[in-house]
Every structure is written in C-alpha cells, then in structure tokens.
N, C-alpha and C. Protein backbone atom coordinates (compact mmCIF):
# COMPACT_ATOMS: atom_id res chain seq x y z
N MET A 1 -0.84 23.07 4.28
CA MET A 1 -1.84 22.07 4.14
C MET A 1 -1.10 22.93 2.00
N SER A 2 -1.10 22.10 0.96
CA SER A 2 -0.88 22.05 -0.03
C SER A 2 -1.76 22.82 -0.89
N ASP A 3 -1.73 23.09 -1.91
CA ASP A 3 -2.52 23.94 -2.87
C ASP A 3 -3.70 23.00 -2.90
N LEU A 4 -3.41 21.78 -4.22
CA LEU A 4 -4.61 20.93 -3.70
C LEU A 4 -5.61 21.25 -3.19
N ALA A 5 -5.10 20.56 -1.29
CA ALA A 5 -5.87 20.92 -0.57
C ALA A 5 -6.59 21.95 -0.39
N ALA A 6 -5.89 23.10 -0.20
CA ALA A 6 -6.68 24.35 -0.09
C ALA A 6 -8.10 24.64 -1.42
N ARG A 7 -7.83 24.59 -2.62
CA ARG A 7 -8.97 24.46 -2.85
C ARG A 7 -9.94 23.30 -2.94
N PHE A 8 -9.33 22.46 -2.77
CA PHE A 8 -10.53 21.45 -2.13
C PHE A 8 -10.84 21.52 -1.09
N GLN A 9 -10.98 22.22 -0.50
CA GLN A 9 -11.47 22.74 0.83
C GLN A 9 -12.31 23.92 0.16
N THR A 10 -12.08 24.68 -0.27
CA THR A 10 -12.40 26.04 -1.38
C THR A 10 -14.04 25.01 -1.30
N ALA A 11 -13.18 24.72 -2.90
CA ALA A 11 -14.37 23.28 -3.88
C ALA A 11 -16.28 23.46 -2.94
N ALA A 12 -15.48 22.33 -1.62
CA ALA A 12 -16.49 22.04 -0.64
C ALA A 12 -17.18 22.78 0.17
N GLU A 13 -17.03 24.25 0.22
CA GLU A 13 -17.43 24.78 0.60
C GLU A 13 -18.79 25.85 -0.92
N ASP A 14 -17.49 26.38 -1.50
CA ASP A 14 -19.01 26.16 -2.22
C ASP A 14 -19.87 25.19 -3.17
N SER A 15 -19.21 23.86 -3.09
CA SER A 15 -20.12 23.31 -3.71
C SER A 15 -21.58 24.09 -3.23
N LYS A 16 -21.95 23.84 -1.17
CA LYS A 16 -22.83 24.24 -0.52
C LYS A 16 -23.73 25.48 -1.19
N LYS A 17 -23.10 26.25 -2.05
CA LYS A 17 -22.74 27.68 -2.43
C LYS A 17 -23.46 28.00 -3.85
N LEU A 18 -24.05 26.16 -5.08
CA LEU A 18 -24.03 26.93 -5.98
C LEU A 18 -25.52 27.16 -6.02
N SER A 19 -25.89 28.15 -7.19
CA SER A 19 -27.31 28.56 -8.00
C SER A 19 -27.75 27.42 -8.35
N GLN A 20 -27.72 26.18 -8.10
CA GLN A 20 -28.53 24.94 -8.70
C GLN A 20 -28.51 24.45 -7.90
N ARG A 21 -29.08 23.62 -7.63
CA ARG A 21 -29.41 21.59 -7.36
C ARG A 21 -28.86 21.41 -8.74
N PRO A 22 -27.25 20.55 -8.10
CA PRO A 22 -26.64 19.63 -9.39
C PRO A 22 -28.74 18.11 -10.03
N ASP A 23 -27.56 17.18 -11.03
CA ASP A 23 -28.98 16.08 -10.22
C ASP A 23 -28.53 15.45 -9.82
N ASN A 24 -29.02 14.38 -9.61
CA ASN A 24 -28.93 13.14 -8.59
C ASN A 24 -27.27 12.06 -9.08
N ASP A 25 -27.14 12.27 -10.97
CA ASP A 25 -26.13 11.70 -11.40
C ASP A 25 -24.71 12.37 -10.15
N THR A 26 -25.06 13.92 -11.12
CA THR A 26 -24.02 14.59 -10.35
C THR A 26 -24.01 14.56 -8.54
N LEU A 27 -24.74 14.99 -8.00
CA LEU A 27 -24.42 14.90 -6.91
C LEU A 27 -23.69 13.60 -5.95
N LEU A 28 -23.71 12.47 -6.71
CA LEU A 28 -23.28 11.23 -6.98
C LEU A 28 -22.02 11.29 -6.90
N LYS A 29 -21.63 11.54 -8.06
CA LYS A 29 -19.99 12.19 -8.43
C LYS A 29 -19.57 13.35 -7.10
N LEU A 30 -20.26 14.20 -7.36
CA LEU A 30 -19.56 15.65 -6.22
C LEU A 30 -19.64 13.72 -4.66
N TYR A 31 -20.34 13.85 -4.45
CA TYR A 31 -19.98 12.51 -3.33
C TYR A 31 -18.61 11.73 -2.97
N ALA A 32 -18.94 11.48 -4.26
CA ALA A 32 -17.27 10.40 -3.92
C ALA A 32 -16.55 9.99 -4.34
N SER A 33 -16.15 11.31 -4.92
CA SER A 33 -15.03 11.97 -4.60
C SER A 33 -14.64 12.58 -3.88
N PHE A 34 -15.38 13.06 -2.97
CA PHE A 34 -14.85 13.73 -2.25
C PHE A 34 -14.13 13.19 -1.24
N LYS A 35 -15.32 12.35 -0.95
CA LYS A 35 -15.29 10.96 -0.03
C LYS A 35 -13.84 9.90 0.21
N GLN A 36 -13.76 10.25 -1.39
CA GLN A 36 -12.07 9.85 -2.11
C GLN A 36 -10.43 10.58 -1.68
N GLY A 37 -11.55 11.72 -2.39
CA GLY A 37 -9.92 12.74 -1.90
C GLY A 37 -10.12 12.95 -0.08
N SER A 38 -11.10 12.67 0.61
CA SER A 38 -11.09 13.32 1.55
C SER A 38 -10.42 11.47 2.77
N SER A 39 -11.02 10.88 2.31
CA SER A 39 -11.54 9.11 3.43
C SER A 39 -11.03 8.37 2.27
N GLY A 40 -10.19 8.25 1.56
CA GLY A 40 -9.52 7.42 0.57
C GLY A 40 -10.90 6.36 0.19
N ASP A 41 -10.16 5.10 -0.22
CA ASP A 41 -10.99 4.19 -0.78
C ASP A 41 -12.51 3.48 0.38
N VAL A 42 -12.75 3.46 -0.11
CA VAL A 42 -14.32 3.53 0.85
C VAL A 42 -14.07 1.66 1.81
N GLU A 43 -15.11 2.12 2.70
CA GLU A 43 -14.78 1.41 3.50
C GLU A 43 -15.89 0.18 4.11
N GLY A 44 -16.12 -0.67 4.85
CA GLY A 44 -17.27 -1.34 5.56
C GLY A 44 -17.79 -1.79 4.45
N LYS A 45 -19.58 -2.39 4.97
CA LYS A 45 -20.00 -3.17 4.55
C LYS A 45 -21.18 -2.12 3.60
N ARG A 46 -21.64 -2.51 2.02
CA ARG A 46 -22.24 -2.05 1.49
C ARG A 46 -23.50 -2.00 1.72
N PRO A 47 -24.65 -0.67 1.74
CA PRO A 47 -26.35 -1.02 2.64
C PRO A 47 -27.52 -1.21 2.87
N GLY A 48 -27.90 -2.26 3.13
CA GLY A 48 -28.87 -2.65 2.65
C GLY A 48 -29.64 -2.52 1.21
N PHE A 49 -30.22 -3.67 0.83
CA PHE A 49 -31.61 -2.67 -0.29
C PHE A 49 -32.35 -2.10 0.53
N THR A 50 -32.81 -1.53 1.51
CA THR A 50 -33.88 -1.27 2.54
C THR A 50 -33.53 0.62 1.57
N ASP A 51 -32.24 0.76 2.83
CA ASP A 51 -31.47 1.86 2.97
C ASP A 51 -30.36 2.41 0.61
N LEU A 52 -31.91 2.63 -0.25
CA LEU A 52 -31.88 2.96 -1.59
C LEU A 52 -30.67 4.10 -1.50
N VAL A 53 -30.63 5.05 -0.98
CA VAL A 53 -29.88 6.37 -0.86
C VAL A 53 -28.34 5.41 -0.86
N GLY A 54 -28.44 5.46 0.90
CA GLY A 54 -26.80 4.82 1.28
C GLY A 54 -25.98 3.48 0.44
N ARG A 55 -26.58 2.86 -0.28
CA ARG A 55 -26.49 2.35 -1.79
C ARG A 55 -26.26 2.86 -2.28
N ALA A 56 -25.86 3.80 -3.63
CA ALA A 56 -26.47 4.94 -4.46
C ALA A 56 -24.93 5.62 -4.17
N LYS A 57 -25.50 5.87 -2.71
CA LYS A 57 -23.85 6.82 -2.04
C LYS A 57 -21.92 5.03 -2.83
N TYR A 58 -22.74 4.50 -1.27
CA TYR A 58 -21.37 3.64 -1.30
C TYR A 58 -21.20 2.75 -2.88
N ASP A 59 -22.06 2.88 -3.87
CA ASP A 59 -21.15 2.49 -4.25
C ASP A 59 -20.75 3.12 -5.94
N ALA A 60 -21.45 4.31 -5.51
CA ALA A 60 -20.60 5.42 -6.84
C ALA A 60 -18.83 5.78 -6.11
N TRP A 61 -18.86 6.11 -4.47
CA TRP A 61 -17.28 5.80 -3.26
C TRP A 61 -16.68 4.11 -4.63
N ALA A 62 -17.50 3.39 -3.75
CA ALA A 62 -16.81 2.29 -4.79
C ALA A 62 -16.29 2.05 -5.90
N LYS A 63 -16.78 2.86 -6.97
CA LYS A 63 -16.13 2.47 -8.20
C LYS A 63 -14.83 3.23 -8.36
N LEU A 64 -14.91 4.36 -8.13
CA LEU A 64 -13.44 5.14 -7.88
C LEU A 64 -12.29 4.48 -6.53
N LYS A 65 -12.54 3.45 -6.23
CA LYS A 65 -11.68 2.58 -5.34
C LYS A 65 -10.32 2.72 -6.41
N GLY A 66 -9.47 3.19 -5.38
CA GLY A 66 -7.89 2.96 -6.19
C GLY A 66 -7.45 4.51 -6.95
N THR A 67 -8.13 4.54 -6.79
CA THR A 67 -8.12 6.51 -6.70
C THR A 67 -6.87 6.93 -6.70
N PRO A 68 -6.05 7.75 -6.75
CA PRO A 68 -4.78 8.03 -5.72
C PRO A 68 -6.09 9.57 -4.61
N LYS A 69 -5.64 9.79 -3.84
CA LYS A 69 -6.66 10.41 -3.39
C LYS A 69 -6.15 12.24 -3.85
N GLU A 70 -5.18 12.73 -4.43
CA GLU A 70 -4.62 14.22 -5.01
C GLU A 70 -5.58 13.72 -6.03
N GLU A 71 -5.67 13.26 -6.71
CA GLU A 71 -6.69 12.49 -8.38
C GLU A 71 -8.13 13.20 -8.18
N ALA A 72 -8.69 12.18 -7.08
CA ALA A 72 -10.31 12.63 -5.95
C ALA A 72 -10.19 13.92 -5.81
N MET A 73 -9.20 14.06 -5.25
CA MET A 73 -9.33 15.65 -5.37
C MET A 73 -9.33 17.14 -6.11
N GLN A 74 -8.70 16.73 -6.90
CA GLN A 74 -8.51 17.27 -8.56
C GLN A 74 -10.54 17.18 -9.62
N GLN A 75 -10.32 15.79 -9.15
CA GLN A 75 -11.93 15.30 -9.97
C GLN A 75 -12.68 16.51 -9.47
N TYR A 76 -12.88 15.62 -8.21
CA TYR A 76 -13.78 17.30 -7.48
C TYR A 76 -13.91 19.25 -7.92
N VAL A 77 -12.62 19.10 -6.87
CA VAL A 77 -12.26 20.57 -7.95
C VAL A 77 -12.77 21.02 -8.55
N ASP A 78 -12.14 20.24 -10.74
CA ASP A 78 -12.70 20.51 -11.42
C ASP A 78 -14.84 20.72 -11.94
N LEU A 79 -14.91 19.88 -10.44
CA LEU A 79 -16.22 19.48 -11.51
C LEU A 79 -17.49 20.07 -10.42
N VAL A 80 -16.73 20.83 -9.64
CA VAL A 80 -16.77 22.16 -8.91
C VAL A 80 -17.37 23.33 -9.44
N GLU A 81 -15.79 23.85 -10.57
CA GLU A 81 -15.89 24.53 -10.57
C GLU A 81 -16.43 24.58 -12.01
N SER A 82 -16.90 23.51 -12.81
CA SER A 82 -18.06 23.27 -13.57
C SER A 82 -19.27 23.66 -13.26
N LEU A 83 -19.45 23.22 -12.04
CA LEU A 83 -21.55 23.73 -12.04
C LEU A 83 -21.02 25.05 -11.94
N LYS A 84 -20.27 25.90 -10.77
CA LYS A 84 -20.41 27.29 -10.17
C LYS A 84 -19.85 27.94 -12.07
N ASN A 85 -19.70 27.46 -13.41
CA ASN A 85 -19.65 27.99 -14.24
C ASN A 85 -21.42 27.86 -15.86
N ALA A 86 -21.62 26.97 -14.87
CA ALA A 86 -23.29 26.54 -16.00
C ALA A 86 -23.83 27.21 -15.48
C-alpha cells in the first residue's frame, strides 16, 4: 500500500470522528473526493428528481470526472485534515 493510500484510509477513519458535523457543501466535497479517489469516475444513471440527496451526491462526484485517483485522494486527505484542525 502506498503512503498516499495509507493516508487516504486514515483520513476516511478520521472523517467519522470529527468533533463537528461539516455543512452540507463540505459533506458533498468529502463524498465526491472519496468516491473519485476510491472508485474513479462516476458511473451509472443520475438519480431521479425525487431522490434529492442521491442527485446531489451524483452531481458532486460527476464534477470530479477526469480527476486522477491520486489527486482526488490527496484532496480528500487535505480536506479531512483541514476539518480536524478547524
């Protein structure tokens, strides 16, 4: 496991232990960068208009389409670190 992958995994665990729940925009950024870093580009159909949360998550992830996994992993690690220090 690379150093970045290890830090990514640690950040994923740390994100569950934050002292405060981040606002919705930050949660979407966390979700999108985690998914891009772990799964790559978004796949599948965009959820329907009745699934507002699913749609927001899909859209946030789709904005990162084409971002290399390593870059998304680093973004995720940096974001979790900034939230831990906030």
